Amino acid sequence: MSDEGLQCPKCKGEMIQGFVGDQSDGNLYVAGWHAGQPKKSFWFGAKSGHSEALPIGAFRCQKCGFLEFYSDRRFEAH
């Protein structure tokens, strides 16, 4: 999949790349996809290791706002 020239599957508008942010401790991270069912954490939220997650890349249509998500190592922060 090439990031250039992506067309919206709904209205054929131009899709632009972005990411889903995950804020913690005042820092902004790229949200990640985790396999399986979430497991409740003893303290809060869900348990998982960051190393297990695949970064989520998001593409948004500039015309209608449709969002499409992909999960791949190429979406890691650089």
N, C-alpha and C. Protein backbone atom coordinates (compact mmCIF):
# COMPACT_ATOMS: atom_id res chain seq x y z
N MET A 1 0.84 -1.18 0.00
CA MET A 1 0.00 0.00 0.00
C MET A 1 0.88 1.24 0.00
N SER A 2 0.66 2.10 -0.94
CA SER A 2 1.39 3.36 -1.02
C SER A 2 0.55 4.46 -0.37
N ASP A 3 1.21 5.33 0.40
CA ASP A 3 0.51 6.42 1.07
C ASP A 3 0.10 7.52 0.11
N GLU A 4 0.76 7.61 -1.03
CA GLU A 4 0.49 8.68 -1.98
C GLU A 4 -0.69 8.32 -2.86
N GLY A 5 -1.56 9.30 -3.08
CA GLY A 5 -2.67 9.12 -4.00
C GLY A 5 -3.79 8.23 -3.49
N LEU A 6 -3.87 8.04 -2.17
CA LEU A 6 -4.98 7.23 -1.64
C LEU A 6 -6.29 7.97 -1.85
N GLN A 7 -7.29 7.24 -2.32
CA GLN A 7 -8.62 7.81 -2.52
C GLN A 7 -9.57 7.26 -1.48
N CYS A 8 -10.46 8.10 -1.03
CA CYS A 8 -11.48 7.70 -0.08
C CYS A 8 -12.41 6.67 -0.73
N PRO A 9 -12.66 5.54 -0.05
CA PRO A 9 -13.56 4.54 -0.61
C PRO A 9 -15.03 4.99 -0.59
N LYS A 10 -15.33 6.05 0.15
CA LYS A 10 -16.71 6.54 0.24
C LYS A 10 -17.04 7.60 -0.82
N CYS A 11 -16.15 8.62 -0.94
CA CYS A 11 -16.47 9.75 -1.83
C CYS A 11 -15.40 10.04 -2.86
N LYS A 12 -14.31 9.26 -2.86
CA LYS A 12 -13.19 9.42 -3.79
C LYS A 12 -12.36 10.67 -3.54
N GLY A 13 -12.52 11.30 -2.36
CA GLY A 13 -11.69 12.44 -2.00
C GLY A 13 -10.28 11.99 -1.66
N GLU A 14 -9.38 12.96 -1.44
CA GLU A 14 -7.98 12.66 -1.12
C GLU A 14 -7.84 12.28 0.35
N MET A 15 -7.12 11.19 0.61
CA MET A 15 -6.85 10.73 1.98
C MET A 15 -5.48 11.25 2.40
N ILE A 16 -5.39 11.81 3.62
CA ILE A 16 -4.12 12.27 4.15
C ILE A 16 -3.77 11.44 5.39
N GLN A 17 -2.48 11.19 5.57
CA GLN A 17 -2.01 10.36 6.68
C GLN A 17 -1.94 11.15 7.98
N GLY A 18 -2.26 10.47 9.06
CA GLY A 18 -2.13 10.99 10.41
C GLY A 18 -1.91 9.83 11.36
N PHE A 19 -2.19 10.02 12.64
CA PHE A 19 -2.05 8.93 13.59
C PHE A 19 -3.02 9.12 14.74
N VAL A 20 -3.27 8.05 15.46
CA VAL A 20 -4.13 8.08 16.64
C VAL A 20 -3.21 8.27 17.84
N GLY A 21 -3.39 9.37 18.54
CA GLY A 21 -2.53 9.68 19.67
C GLY A 21 -2.99 9.01 20.95
N ASP A 22 -2.04 8.65 21.76
CA ASP A 22 -2.29 8.04 23.07
C ASP A 22 -1.45 8.84 24.06
N GLN A 23 -2.11 9.64 24.91
CA GLN A 23 -1.40 10.53 25.82
C GLN A 23 -1.28 9.91 27.20
N SER A 24 -0.07 9.93 27.73
CA SER A 24 0.20 9.37 29.05
C SER A 24 1.37 10.12 29.68
N ASP A 25 1.25 10.45 30.93
CA ASP A 25 2.32 11.14 31.66
C ASP A 25 2.79 12.40 30.96
N GLY A 26 1.88 13.10 30.28
CA GLY A 26 2.23 14.33 29.59
C GLY A 26 2.94 14.11 28.26
N ASN A 27 3.12 12.87 27.83
CA ASN A 27 3.76 12.56 26.55
C ASN A 27 2.72 12.07 25.56
N LEU A 28 2.97 12.28 24.27
CA LEU A 28 2.09 11.82 23.22
C LEU A 28 2.74 10.66 22.50
N TYR A 29 2.04 9.53 22.42
CA TYR A 29 2.54 8.32 21.77
C TYR A 29 1.63 7.96 20.61
N VAL A 30 2.13 7.13 19.70
CA VAL A 30 1.32 6.57 18.64
C VAL A 30 0.56 5.39 19.24
N ALA A 31 -0.76 5.39 19.13
CA ALA A 31 -1.57 4.29 19.67
C ALA A 31 -1.23 3.00 18.92
N GLY A 32 -1.44 1.88 19.57
CA GLY A 32 -1.09 0.60 18.97
C GLY A 32 -2.23 -0.41 18.98
N TRP A 33 -2.15 -1.36 18.07
CA TRP A 33 -3.10 -2.47 17.98
C TRP A 33 -2.52 -3.65 18.73
N HIS A 34 -3.36 -4.33 19.51
CA HIS A 34 -2.95 -5.48 20.31
C HIS A 34 -3.83 -6.67 19.94
N ALA A 35 -3.22 -7.82 19.75
CA ALA A 35 -3.98 -9.04 19.44
C ALA A 35 -4.74 -9.53 20.67
N GLY A 36 -5.88 -10.16 20.45
CA GLY A 36 -6.63 -10.79 21.53
C GLY A 36 -7.54 -9.85 22.29
N GLN A 37 -8.18 -10.41 23.29
CA GLN A 37 -9.08 -9.65 24.16
C GLN A 37 -8.28 -8.83 25.16
N PRO A 38 -8.74 -7.62 25.49
CA PRO A 38 -8.02 -6.84 26.51
C PRO A 38 -8.16 -7.50 27.89
N LYS A 39 -7.11 -7.38 28.67
CA LYS A 39 -7.11 -7.90 30.04
C LYS A 39 -7.08 -6.72 31.00
N LYS A 40 -7.97 -6.74 31.96
CA LYS A 40 -8.08 -5.63 32.90
C LYS A 40 -6.82 -5.54 33.76
N SER A 41 -6.33 -4.32 33.92
CA SER A 41 -5.18 -4.06 34.78
C SER A 41 -5.64 -3.94 36.23
N PHE A 42 -4.79 -4.33 37.15
CA PHE A 42 -5.10 -4.20 38.57
C PHE A 42 -5.29 -2.73 38.94
N TRP A 43 -4.46 -1.84 38.36
CA TRP A 43 -4.49 -0.42 38.74
C TRP A 43 -5.48 0.38 37.91
N PHE A 44 -5.41 0.29 36.59
CA PHE A 44 -6.31 1.07 35.73
C PHE A 44 -6.23 0.55 34.30
N GLY A 45 -7.27 0.79 33.52
CA GLY A 45 -7.27 0.47 32.10
C GLY A 45 -7.08 -1.00 31.80
N ALA A 46 -6.27 -1.25 30.75
CA ALA A 46 -6.01 -2.62 30.30
C ALA A 46 -4.51 -2.89 30.34
N LYS A 47 -4.15 -4.17 30.54
CA LYS A 47 -2.74 -4.57 30.57
C LYS A 47 -2.25 -4.86 29.17
N SER A 48 -1.01 -4.46 28.89
CA SER A 48 -0.30 -4.87 27.68
C SER A 48 1.08 -4.26 27.70
N GLY A 49 1.97 -4.84 26.92
CA GLY A 49 3.31 -4.28 26.78
C GLY A 49 3.40 -3.48 25.49
N HIS A 50 4.06 -2.34 25.55
CA HIS A 50 4.20 -1.51 24.34
C HIS A 50 4.91 -2.27 23.22
N SER A 51 5.82 -3.17 23.57
CA SER A 51 6.57 -3.90 22.54
C SER A 51 5.67 -4.86 21.77
N GLU A 52 4.53 -5.26 22.35
CA GLU A 52 3.60 -6.16 21.68
C GLU A 52 2.70 -5.43 20.69
N ALA A 53 2.59 -4.14 20.79
CA ALA A 53 1.66 -3.37 19.98
C ALA A 53 2.22 -3.06 18.59
N LEU A 54 1.32 -3.06 17.60
CA LEU A 54 1.67 -2.58 16.26
C LEU A 54 1.12 -1.17 16.14
N PRO A 55 1.95 -0.19 15.75
CA PRO A 55 1.48 1.19 15.65
C PRO A 55 0.32 1.34 14.67
N ILE A 56 -0.60 2.24 14.99
CA ILE A 56 -1.77 2.49 14.14
C ILE A 56 -1.53 3.75 13.32
N GLY A 57 -1.65 3.61 12.01
CA GLY A 57 -1.63 4.75 11.09
C GLY A 57 -3.07 5.03 10.68
N ALA A 58 -3.45 6.29 10.64
CA ALA A 58 -4.81 6.66 10.28
C ALA A 58 -4.78 7.56 9.05
N PHE A 59 -5.71 7.33 8.16
CA PHE A 59 -5.86 8.16 6.98
C PHE A 59 -7.24 8.79 7.01
N ARG A 60 -7.30 10.11 6.75
CA ARG A 60 -8.55 10.87 6.82
C ARG A 60 -8.85 11.51 5.48
N CYS A 61 -10.10 11.37 5.07
CA CYS A 61 -10.53 12.01 3.82
C CYS A 61 -10.71 13.50 4.07
N GLN A 62 -10.09 14.32 3.24
CA GLN A 62 -10.21 15.77 3.39
C GLN A 62 -11.59 16.27 2.97
N LYS A 63 -12.31 15.46 2.20
CA LYS A 63 -13.61 15.88 1.69
C LYS A 63 -14.75 15.52 2.65
N CYS A 64 -14.82 14.25 3.08
CA CYS A 64 -15.97 13.81 3.89
C CYS A 64 -15.60 13.43 5.33
N GLY A 65 -14.29 13.33 5.66
CA GLY A 65 -13.87 13.03 7.02
C GLY A 65 -13.78 11.55 7.36
N PHE A 66 -14.05 10.67 6.40
CA PHE A 66 -13.96 9.24 6.64
C PHE A 66 -12.57 8.88 7.12
N LEU A 67 -12.48 7.97 8.12
CA LEU A 67 -11.20 7.52 8.65
C LEU A 67 -10.98 6.06 8.30
N GLU A 68 -9.73 5.74 7.92
CA GLU A 68 -9.35 4.36 7.64
C GLU A 68 -8.07 4.09 8.41
N PHE A 69 -8.02 2.96 9.12
CA PHE A 69 -6.89 2.64 9.98
C PHE A 69 -6.12 1.43 9.47
N TYR A 70 -4.80 1.48 9.64
CA TYR A 70 -3.91 0.37 9.32
C TYR A 70 -2.95 0.20 10.48
N SER A 71 -2.49 -1.02 10.69
CA SER A 71 -1.56 -1.30 11.77
C SER A 71 -0.32 -1.97 11.19
N ASP A 72 0.84 -1.30 11.35
CA ASP A 72 2.07 -1.78 10.75
C ASP A 72 3.25 -1.07 11.40
N ARG A 73 4.40 -1.71 11.45
CA ARG A 73 5.61 -1.11 12.04
C ARG A 73 6.03 0.18 11.32
N ARG A 74 5.65 0.35 10.06
CA ARG A 74 6.05 1.57 9.32
C ARG A 74 5.39 2.83 9.87
N PHE A 75 4.40 2.68 10.76
CA PHE A 75 3.74 3.84 11.35
C PHE A 75 4.34 4.24 12.70
N GLU A 76 5.47 3.62 13.08
CA GLU A 76 6.16 4.00 14.32
C GLU A 76 6.67 5.44 14.21
N ALA A 77 6.77 6.10 15.35
CA ALA A 77 7.32 7.46 15.39
C ALA A 77 8.81 7.41 15.01
N HIS A 78 9.24 8.40 14.26
CA HIS A 78 10.65 8.48 13.83
C HIS A 78 11.30 9.71 14.40
